[in-house]
Amino acid sequence: MPDPTPAPEKSELRRRALARWDNEGGAIAAVTNAPPVDVPHMSNIELVQLRIRVIALENLLIAVLAEGTDRQLQVARDMAAFIAPRPGATAHPLTTQGAHHMTDLVNRAVHYRTLPPQ
């Protein structure tokens, strides 16, 4: 039987996704109602591999944004501007840096939009 409740609007979905930034990812356990698990420490090799993957993903994101519409770039900027601590909470430095990094990625993508084709 189909669910009679209407699907949330895109803006509501975006608000919910950004709200999970408040606790730096701890919302994952809240969403799944799963108890916290012991996460083993990562080795140096694993951290290096993770760093390489993040660099690759950032570059891919820049390439995708460079081909995106002005509206898509503005939505990314709006999302970065929306990231803030809950009322009465202290801003977490990683969250603040993440928001600035999002804006930086958009700005880097805009740079590639202005380059002449080769």
Protein backbone atom coordinates (compact mmCIF):
# COMPACT_ATOMS: atom_id res chain seq x y z
CA MET A 1 0.00 0.00 0.00
CA PRO A 2 1.49 3.40 -0.95
CA ASP A 3 2.44 5.84 1.78
CA PRO A 4 -0.27 8.55 1.96
CA THR A 5 2.12 11.20 3.32
CA PRO A 6 3.45 13.57 0.64
CA ALA A 7 7.15 13.60 -0.15
CA PRO A 8 9.06 16.51 1.43
CA GLU A 9 9.91 19.48 -0.76
CA LYS A 10 13.48 19.77 -2.07
CA SER A 11 14.16 22.69 0.25
CA GLU A 12 13.04 20.60 3.24
CA LEU A 13 15.25 17.70 2.18
CA ARG A 14 18.19 20.12 1.83
CA ARG A 15 17.46 21.58 5.28
CA ARG A 16 17.40 18.10 6.82
CA ALA A 17 20.66 17.09 5.16
CA LEU A 18 22.41 20.22 6.33
CA ALA A 19 21.02 19.85 9.84
CA ARG A 20 23.04 16.63 10.17
CA TRP A 21 26.22 18.70 10.03
CA ASP A 22 25.45 20.04 13.51
CA ASN A 23 27.08 17.11 15.23
CA GLU A 24 29.76 16.24 12.67
CA GLY A 25 28.17 13.08 11.39
CA GLY A 26 26.76 11.73 14.63
CA ALA A 27 23.33 11.90 13.04
CA ILE A 28 24.10 8.68 11.19
CA ALA A 29 23.57 6.68 14.38
CA ALA A 30 20.41 8.65 15.13
CA VAL A 31 19.01 7.99 11.68
CA THR A 32 19.60 4.25 11.85
CA ASN A 33 18.85 3.98 15.59
CA ALA A 34 21.93 1.79 15.77
CA PRO A 35 24.13 1.79 18.84
CA PRO A 36 27.54 3.42 18.43
CA VAL A 37 30.21 1.04 17.20
CA ASP A 38 33.89 0.88 17.96
CA VAL A 39 35.68 2.16 14.89
CA PRO A 40 39.27 0.92 14.64
CA HIS A 41 41.97 3.53 14.22
CA MET A 42 43.17 4.01 10.68
CA SER A 43 46.75 3.21 9.78
CA ASN A 44 48.96 5.79 8.10
CA ILE A 45 48.58 3.95 4.78
CA GLU A 46 44.79 4.08 5.08
CA LEU A 47 44.91 7.80 5.89
CA VAL A 48 47.10 8.48 2.86
CA GLN A 49 44.73 6.51 0.62
CA LEU A 50 41.77 8.40 2.05
CA ARG A 51 43.51 11.70 1.40
CA ILE A 52 44.20 10.69 -2.21
CA ARG A 53 40.54 9.78 -2.68
CA VAL A 54 39.36 13.08 -1.21
CA ILE A 55 41.65 15.01 -3.55
CA ALA A 56 40.32 13.01 -6.51
CA LEU A 57 36.70 13.59 -5.44
CA GLU A 58 37.29 17.32 -4.99
CA ASN A 59 38.77 17.56 -8.47
CA LEU A 60 35.87 15.60 -9.95
CA LEU A 61 33.40 17.85 -8.14
CA ILE A 62 35.14 20.94 -9.48
CA ALA A 63 34.91 19.52 -13.01
CA VAL A 64 31.19 18.78 -12.58
CA LEU A 65 30.48 22.20 -11.08
CA ALA A 66 32.43 23.89 -13.87
CA GLU A 67 29.90 22.44 -16.32
CA GLY A 68 26.93 23.15 -14.05
CA THR A 69 24.38 25.91 -14.39
CA ASP A 70 24.57 29.24 -12.61
CA ARG A 71 21.60 28.07 -10.50
CA GLN A 72 23.49 24.95 -9.40
CA LEU A 73 26.50 27.04 -8.40
CA GLN A 74 24.23 29.37 -6.44
CA VAL A 75 22.56 26.44 -4.63
CA ALA A 76 26.02 25.18 -3.60
CA ARG A 77 26.91 28.65 -2.31
CA ASP A 78 23.57 28.88 -0.48
CA MET A 79 24.16 25.51 1.16
CA ALA A 80 27.58 26.63 2.35
CA ALA A 81 26.10 29.86 3.74
CA PHE A 82 23.34 27.91 5.49
CA ILE A 83 25.75 25.76 7.50
CA ALA A 84 25.73 27.12 11.02
CA PRO A 85 25.48 25.75 14.55
CA ARG A 86 22.10 25.11 16.13
CA PRO A 87 20.69 28.08 18.05
CA GLY A 88 22.56 28.37 21.32
CA ALA A 89 25.36 26.02 20.22
CA THR A 90 28.98 26.92 19.60
CA ALA A 91 30.25 26.77 16.04
CA HIS A 92 32.44 23.71 15.48
CA PRO A 93 35.66 24.67 13.66
CA LEU A 94 35.49 21.68 11.29
CA THR A 95 31.94 22.58 10.27
CA THR A 96 32.92 26.20 9.68
CA GLN A 97 35.98 25.16 7.68
CA GLY A 98 33.84 22.73 5.68
CA ALA A 99 31.44 25.51 4.72
CA HIS A 100 34.34 27.73 3.62
CA HIS A 101 35.81 24.83 1.66
CA MET A 102 32.51 24.32 -0.17
CA THR A 103 32.57 27.96 -1.28
CA ASP A 104 36.20 27.57 -2.33
CA LEU A 105 35.32 24.54 -4.48
CA VAL A 106 32.58 26.54 -6.22
CA ASN A 107 34.97 29.43 -6.83
CA ARG A 108 37.59 27.07 -8.27
CA ALA A 109 34.93 25.62 -10.58
CA VAL A 110 34.01 29.11 -11.78
CA HIS A 111 37.68 29.67 -12.63
CA TYR A 112 37.58 26.67 -14.98
CA ARG A 113 34.42 27.97 -16.63
CA THR A 114 36.31 31.09 -17.71
CA LEU A 115 39.27 29.24 -19.25
CA PRO A 116 39.27 29.16 -23.07
CA PRO A 117 38.80 25.69 -24.59
CA GLN A 118 41.98 24.00 -25.78
